Amino acid sequence: MMLKLIAKKHVKEILYLLNSVEELYFAEICNKIPEAHKGSINRTLQELYDFKIVSKREEGTAKLSKTFYSVTDLGMESLKFYELEKEIEKKYKITE
């Protein structure tokens, strides 16, 4: 099930993005991945949160809250799948 999740569209970009910083709030993630629809990013982040690949915290009042996301240890481990993919593609000269 985890492989199915990390193979989804924009998951790789979200995880690498969150891994490069301490945390980002939702709008920042959307701005960094402009080709993705906000609803799609929201659903993807929720799935990643449900699988404990990212963590989230909310700051502010009920009307003006920001949700911040960060990659968890499991999320950092998940990035190894992408690195392995790169190694295999390089080793066997696989290109898209």
C-alpha atoms as a PDB file:
ATOM      1  CA  MET A   1       0.000   0.000   0.000  1.00  0.00           C
ATOM      2  CA  MET A   2       2.848   2.381   0.770  1.00  0.00           C
ATOM      3  CA  LEU A   3       4.401   1.882  -2.674  1.00  0.00           C
ATOM      4  CA  LYS A   4       1.041   2.704  -4.229  1.00  0.00           C
ATOM      5  CA  LEU A   5       0.907   5.947  -2.232  1.00  0.00           C
ATOM      6  CA  ILE A   6       4.433   7.144  -3.004  1.00  0.00           C
ATOM      7  CA  ALA A   7       3.871   6.397  -6.691  1.00  0.00           C
ATOM      8  CA  LYS A   8       0.984   8.879  -6.834  1.00  0.00           C
ATOM      9  CA  LYS A   9       1.281  12.121  -8.741  1.00  0.00           C
ATOM     10  CA  HIS A  10       3.104  14.953  -6.901  1.00  0.00           C
ATOM     11  CA  VAL A  11       4.030  12.819  -3.866  1.00  0.00           C
ATOM     12  CA  LYS A  12       7.688  12.783  -4.884  1.00  0.00           C
ATOM     13  CA  GLU A  13       7.738  16.573  -5.298  1.00  0.00           C
ATOM     14  CA  ILE A  14       5.982  17.124  -1.971  1.00  0.00           C
ATOM     15  CA  LEU A  15       8.329  14.821  -0.057  1.00  0.00           C
ATOM     16  CA  TYR A  16      11.504  16.278  -1.576  1.00  0.00           C
ATOM     17  CA  LEU A  17      10.167  19.783  -0.963  1.00  0.00           C
ATOM     18  CA  LEU A  18       9.362  19.091   2.687  1.00  0.00           C
ATOM     19  CA  ASN A  19      12.658  17.273   3.165  1.00  0.00           C
ATOM     20  CA  SER A  20      14.560  20.369   2.001  1.00  0.00           C
ATOM     21  CA  VAL A  21      13.072  22.607   4.720  1.00  0.00           C
ATOM     22  CA  GLU A  22      11.942  22.244   8.317  1.00  0.00           C
ATOM     23  CA  GLU A  23       8.275  22.799   7.493  1.00  0.00           C
ATOM     24  CA  LEU A  24       5.977  24.591   5.063  1.00  0.00           C
ATOM     25  CA  TYR A  25       2.391  25.704   5.281  1.00  0.00           C
ATOM     26  CA  PHE A  26      -0.180  24.607   2.736  1.00  0.00           C
ATOM     27  CA  ALA A  27      -0.097  27.729   0.536  1.00  0.00           C
ATOM     28  CA  GLU A  28       3.710  27.563   0.307  1.00  0.00           C
ATOM     29  CA  ILE A  29       3.510  23.969  -0.902  1.00  0.00           C
ATOM     30  CA  CYS A  30       0.904  24.963  -3.496  1.00  0.00           C
ATOM     31  CA  ASN A  31       3.089  27.850  -4.687  1.00  0.00           C
ATOM     32  CA  LYS A  32       6.111  25.563  -5.079  1.00  0.00           C
ATOM     33  CA  ILE A  33       4.111  23.046  -7.152  1.00  0.00           C
ATOM     34  CA  PRO A  34       2.057  25.372  -9.386  1.00  0.00           C
ATOM     35  CA  GLU A  35       1.101  22.670 -11.910  1.00  0.00           C
ATOM     36  CA  ALA A  36      -0.870  20.816  -9.217  1.00  0.00           C
ATOM     37  CA  HIS A  37      -4.418  21.726  -8.231  1.00  0.00           C
ATOM     38  CA  LYS A  38      -4.826  22.819  -4.594  1.00  0.00           C
ATOM     39  CA  GLY A  39      -7.492  20.176  -4.012  1.00  0.00           C
ATOM     40  CA  SER A  40      -5.163  17.485  -5.285  1.00  0.00           C
ATOM     41  CA  ILE A  41      -2.329  18.668  -3.037  1.00  0.00           C
ATOM     42  CA  ASN A  42      -4.707  18.796  -0.076  1.00  0.00           C
ATOM     43  CA  ARG A  43      -5.884  15.197  -0.662  1.00  0.00           C
ATOM     44  CA  THR A  44      -2.330  13.996  -1.167  1.00  0.00           C
ATOM     45  CA  LEU A  45      -1.111  15.680   2.030  1.00  0.00           C
ATOM     46  CA  GLN A  46      -4.013  14.132   3.945  1.00  0.00           C
ATOM     47  CA  GLU A  47      -3.109  10.662   2.651  1.00  0.00           C
ATOM     48  CA  LEU A  48       0.553  11.208   3.525  1.00  0.00           C
ATOM     49  CA  TYR A  49      -0.518  12.348   6.982  1.00  0.00           C
ATOM     50  CA  ASP A  50      -2.795   9.307   7.418  1.00  0.00           C
ATOM     51  CA  PHE A  51       0.184   7.047   6.618  1.00  0.00           C
ATOM     52  CA  LYS A  52       2.407   9.067   8.993  1.00  0.00           C
ATOM     53  CA  ILE A  53       4.735  10.052   6.161  1.00  0.00           C
ATOM     54  CA  VAL A  54       4.207  13.731   6.950  1.00  0.00           C
ATOM     55  CA  SER A  55       3.172  15.442  10.158  1.00  0.00           C
ATOM     56  CA  LYS A  56       1.090  18.565  10.504  1.00  0.00           C
ATOM     57  CA  ARG A  57       0.439  21.239  13.046  1.00  0.00           C
ATOM     58  CA  GLU A  58      -2.053  24.059  13.048  1.00  0.00           C
ATOM     59  CA  GLU A  59      -1.321  27.569  14.185  1.00  0.00           C
ATOM     60  CA  GLY A  60      -3.656  30.503  14.666  1.00  0.00           C
ATOM     61  CA  THR A  61      -7.346  30.918  15.346  1.00  0.00           C
ATOM     62  CA  ALA A  62     -10.211  28.916  13.883  1.00  0.00           C
ATOM     63  CA  LYS A  63     -10.849  31.633  11.293  1.00  0.00           C
ATOM     64  CA  LEU A  64      -7.230  32.341  10.413  1.00  0.00           C
ATOM     65  CA  SER A  65      -5.302  29.140  10.903  1.00  0.00           C
ATOM     66  CA  LYS A  66      -2.334  27.881   8.947  1.00  0.00           C
ATOM     67  CA  THR A  67      -1.530  24.202   8.658  1.00  0.00           C
ATOM     68  CA  PHE A  68       2.182  23.462   8.594  1.00  0.00           C
ATOM     69  CA  TYR A  69       3.555  20.206   7.202  1.00  0.00           C
ATOM     70  CA  SER A  70       6.885  18.485   7.728  1.00  0.00           C
ATOM     71  CA  VAL A  71       8.338  15.173   6.664  1.00  0.00           C
ATOM     72  CA  THR A  72       8.530  12.450   9.330  1.00  0.00           C
ATOM     73  CA  ASP A  73      11.264   9.855   9.810  1.00  0.00           C
ATOM     74  CA  LEU A  74       9.099   7.418   7.841  1.00  0.00           C
ATOM     75  CA  GLY A  75       8.813  10.011   5.091  1.00  0.00           C
ATOM     76  CA  MET A  76      12.592  10.362   4.951  1.00  0.00           C
ATOM     77  CA  GLU A  77      12.869   6.579   4.716  1.00  0.00           C
ATOM     78  CA  SER A  78      10.325   6.656   1.880  1.00  0.00           C
ATOM     79  CA  LEU A  79      12.635   8.950  -0.101  1.00  0.00           C
ATOM     80  CA  LYS A  80      15.003   5.973  -0.385  1.00  0.00           C
ATOM     81  CA  PHE A  81      12.572   4.394  -2.863  1.00  0.00           C
ATOM     82  CA  TYR A  82      13.103   7.338  -5.209  1.00  0.00           C
ATOM     83  CA  GLU A  83      16.863   7.134  -4.776  1.00  0.00           C
ATOM     84  CA  LEU A  84      16.780   3.409  -5.541  1.00  0.00           C
ATOM     85  CA  GLU A  85      14.723   4.134  -8.646  1.00  0.00           C
ATOM     86  CA  LYS A  86      17.388   6.624  -9.816  1.00  0.00           C
ATOM     87  CA  GLU A  87      20.186   4.101  -9.199  1.00  0.00           C
ATOM     88  CA  ILE A  88      18.413   1.355 -11.142  1.00  0.00           C
ATOM     89  CA  GLU A  89      17.618   3.689 -14.045  1.00  0.00           C
ATOM     90  CA  LYS A  90      21.224   4.872 -14.143  1.00  0.00           C
ATOM     91  CA  LYS A  91      22.659   1.354 -13.877  1.00  0.00           C
ATOM     92  CA  TYR A  92      20.509  -0.005 -16.684  1.00  0.00           C
ATOM     93  CA  LYS A  93      20.458   3.260 -18.655  1.00  0.00           C
ATOM     94  CA  ILE A  94      16.691   3.516 -18.507  1.00  0.00           C
ATOM     95  CA  THR A  95      15.334   6.853 -19.697  1.00  0.00           C
ATOM     96  CA  GLU A  96      11.850   8.152 -20.176  1.00  0.00           C
END
